C-alpha atoms as a PDB file:
ATOM      1  CA  MET A   1      -9.805   5.206  15.864  1.00  0.00           C
ATOM      2  CA  ALA A   2     -11.603   4.577  12.540  1.00  0.00           C
ATOM      3  CA  ALA A   3     -10.976   8.153  11.390  1.00  0.00           C
ATOM      4  CA  GLU A   4      -7.304   7.869  12.344  1.00  0.00           C
ATOM      5  CA  LEU A   5      -6.916   4.641  10.360  1.00  0.00           C
ATOM      6  CA  LYS A   6      -8.623   6.213   7.337  1.00  0.00           C
ATOM      7  CA  GLU A   7      -6.187   9.119   7.469  1.00  0.00           C
ATOM      8  CA  ARG A   8      -3.142   6.886   7.956  1.00  0.00           C
ATOM      9  CA  THR A   9      -4.044   4.587   5.063  1.00  0.00           C
ATOM     10  CA  PHE A  10      -4.745   7.619   2.854  1.00  0.00           C
ATOM     11  CA  GLN A  11      -1.392   9.235   3.696  1.00  0.00           C
ATOM     12  CA  PHE A  12       0.427   5.936   3.127  1.00  0.00           C
ATOM     13  CA  SER A  13      -1.211   5.573  -0.287  1.00  0.00           C
ATOM     14  CA  LEU A  14      -0.239   9.138  -1.123  1.00  0.00           C
ATOM     15  CA  ARG A  15       3.396   8.465  -0.197  1.00  0.00           C
ATOM     16  CA  ILE A  16       3.349   5.377  -2.412  1.00  0.00           C
ATOM     17  CA  VAL A  17       1.868   7.358  -5.315  1.00  0.00           C
ATOM     18  CA  ARG A  18       4.843   9.704  -5.071  1.00  0.00           C
ATOM     19  CA  LEU A  19       7.285   6.803  -4.785  1.00  0.00           C
ATOM     20  CA  VAL A  20       5.840   5.085  -7.858  1.00  0.00           C
ATOM     21  CA  GLU A  21       6.126   8.334  -9.831  1.00  0.00           C
ATOM     22  CA  SER A  22       9.834   8.376  -8.926  1.00  0.00           C
ATOM     23  CA  LEU A  23      10.634   4.802  -9.935  1.00  0.00           C
ATOM     24  CA  PRO A  24      12.826   4.397 -13.009  1.00  0.00           C
ATOM     25  CA  ALA A  25      11.079   4.422 -16.366  1.00  0.00           C
ATOM     26  CA  SER A  26      11.878   0.796 -17.106  1.00  0.00           C
ATOM     27  CA  CYS A  27       9.997  -2.455 -17.481  1.00  0.00           C
ATOM     28  CA  ILE A  28      10.840  -3.443 -13.907  1.00  0.00           C
ATOM     29  CA  GLY A  29      10.010  -0.012 -12.502  1.00  0.00           C
ATOM     30  CA  ASP A  30       6.678  -0.107 -14.314  1.00  0.00           C
ATOM     31  CA  VAL A  31       5.710  -3.606 -13.168  1.00  0.00           C
ATOM     32  CA  PHE A  32       6.829  -3.109  -9.578  1.00  0.00           C
ATOM     33  CA  GLY A  33       5.180   0.310  -9.445  1.00  0.00           C
ATOM     34  CA  ARG A  34       1.834  -0.885 -10.774  1.00  0.00           C
ATOM     35  CA  GLN A  35       1.731  -3.823  -8.390  1.00  0.00           C
ATOM     36  CA  LEU A  36       2.704  -1.701  -5.397  1.00  0.00           C
ATOM     37  CA  LEU A  37       0.239   1.037  -6.282  1.00  0.00           C
ATOM     38  CA  ARG A  38      -2.590  -1.456  -6.700  1.00  0.00           C
ATOM     39  CA  CYS A  39      -2.130  -3.197  -3.351  1.00  0.00           C
ATOM     40  CA  THR A  40      -1.356  -0.126  -1.234  1.00  0.00           C
ATOM     41  CA  THR A  41      -4.327   1.865  -2.455  1.00  0.00           C
ATOM     42  CA  SER A  42      -6.499  -1.194  -1.910  1.00  0.00           C
ATOM     43  CA  VAL A  43      -5.714  -1.104   1.820  1.00  0.00           C
ATOM     44  CA  GLY A  44      -7.418   2.247   2.321  1.00  0.00           C
ATOM     45  CA  ALA A  45     -10.295   1.395   0.029  1.00  0.00           C
ATOM     46  CA  ASN A  46     -10.993  -1.860   1.847  1.00  0.00           C
ATOM     47  CA  ASP A  47     -10.708  -0.188   5.246  1.00  0.00           C
ATOM     48  CA  ARG A  48     -13.404   2.266   4.175  1.00  0.00           C
ATOM     49  CA  ALA A  49     -15.522  -0.643   2.941  1.00  0.00           C
ATOM     50  CA  ALA A  50     -15.078  -2.386   6.296  1.00  0.00           C
ATOM     51  CA  CYS A  51     -16.502   0.677   8.042  1.00  0.00           C
ATOM     52  CA  ARG A  52     -19.703   0.075   6.065  1.00  0.00           C
ATOM     53  CA  ALA A  53     -19.838  -3.659   6.760  1.00  0.00           C
ATOM     54  CA  LYS A  54     -23.270  -5.217   7.102  1.00  0.00           C
ATOM     55  CA  SER A  55     -22.249  -7.632   9.858  1.00  0.00           C
ATOM     56  CA  ASP A  56     -19.347  -8.604  12.083  1.00  0.00           C
ATOM     57  CA  LYS A  57     -18.500 -11.399   9.636  1.00  0.00           C
ATOM     58  CA  ASP A  58     -18.501  -8.951   6.713  1.00  0.00           C
ATOM     59  CA  PHE A  59     -16.283  -6.556   8.710  1.00  0.00           C
ATOM     60  CA  LEU A  60     -13.767  -9.300   9.511  1.00  0.00           C
ATOM     61  CA  SER A  61     -13.718 -10.433   5.900  1.00  0.00           C
ATOM     62  CA  LYS A  62     -12.957  -6.926   4.644  1.00  0.00           C
ATOM     63  CA  MET A  63     -10.293  -6.377   7.295  1.00  0.00           C
ATOM     64  CA  LYS A  64      -8.688  -9.691   6.294  1.00  0.00           C
ATOM     65  CA  ILE A  65      -8.421  -8.310   2.752  1.00  0.00           C
ATOM     66  CA  CYS A  66      -6.686  -5.240   4.210  1.00  0.00           C
ATOM     67  CA  GLU A  67      -4.234  -7.495   6.007  1.00  0.00           C
ATOM     68  CA  GLU A  68      -3.492  -9.420   2.805  1.00  0.00           C
ATOM     69  CA  GLU A  69      -2.971  -6.216   0.819  1.00  0.00           C
ATOM     70  CA  ILE A  70      -0.643  -4.808   3.486  1.00  0.00           C
ATOM     71  CA  ASP A  71       1.398  -8.007   3.354  1.00  0.00           C
ATOM     72  CA  GLU A  72       1.576  -7.750  -0.440  1.00  0.00           C
ATOM     73  CA  SER A  73       2.640  -4.104  -0.117  1.00  0.00           C
ATOM     74  CA  ILE A  74       5.493  -5.139   2.161  1.00  0.00           C
ATOM     75  CA  TYR A  75       6.535  -7.750  -0.400  1.00  0.00           C
ATOM     76  CA  TRP A  76       6.735  -5.191  -3.234  1.00  0.00           C
ATOM     77  CA  LEU A  77       8.527  -2.632  -1.060  1.00  0.00           C
ATOM     78  CA  ASN A  78      11.107  -5.248  -0.074  1.00  0.00           C
ATOM     79  CA  LEU A  79      11.521  -6.281  -3.696  1.00  0.00           C
ATOM     80  CA  ILE A  80      12.076  -2.649  -4.724  1.00  0.00           C
ATOM     81  CA  LYS A  81      14.582  -2.272  -1.902  1.00  0.00           C
ATOM     82  CA  HIS A  82      16.541  -5.429  -2.740  1.00  0.00           C
ATOM     83  CA  ALA A  83      16.447  -4.759  -6.497  1.00  0.00           C
ATOM     84  CA  GLN A  84      18.043  -1.393  -5.673  1.00  0.00           C
ATOM     85  CA  ILE A  85      15.884   0.554  -8.115  1.00  0.00           C
ATOM     86  CA  PHE A  86      15.015   3.303  -5.624  1.00  0.00           C
ATOM     87  CA  PRO A  87      17.347   5.114  -3.203  1.00  0.00           C
ATOM     88  CA  GLU A  88      17.238   3.194   0.077  1.00  0.00           C
ATOM     89  CA  GLY A  89      17.243   6.306   2.260  1.00  0.00           C
ATOM     90  CA  LYS A  90      14.250   7.687   0.408  1.00  0.00           C
ATOM     91  CA  LEU A  91      12.493   4.327   0.589  1.00  0.00           C
ATOM     92  CA  ASP A  92      12.913   4.233   4.360  1.00  0.00           C
ATOM     93  CA  ALA A  93      11.365   7.708   4.582  1.00  0.00           C
ATOM     94  CA  VAL A  94       8.334   6.543   2.598  1.00  0.00           C
ATOM     95  CA  ILE A  95       7.799   3.444   4.726  1.00  0.00           C
ATOM     96  CA  SER A  96       8.047   5.176   8.125  1.00  0.00           C
END
């Protein structure tokens, strides 16, 4: 299960990297892209850190950070969708 989650978070981050590269070269595209890239890549990094937790409490704390970063990722993806700065069909493909 841990290996599967590592792979899934890595692949999700990779899809987001490609999405961010395709955002319009504008102030909004830049800000949204940086924010989205930061939080989505943090999910995988924090999951890996959780696998090396020193205690159950440390593990839960790191997984809580993952949960927060996933929620932030959803926020930025929804903002990109509603701002209509990325083709919706392509955005759906990235999210699934």
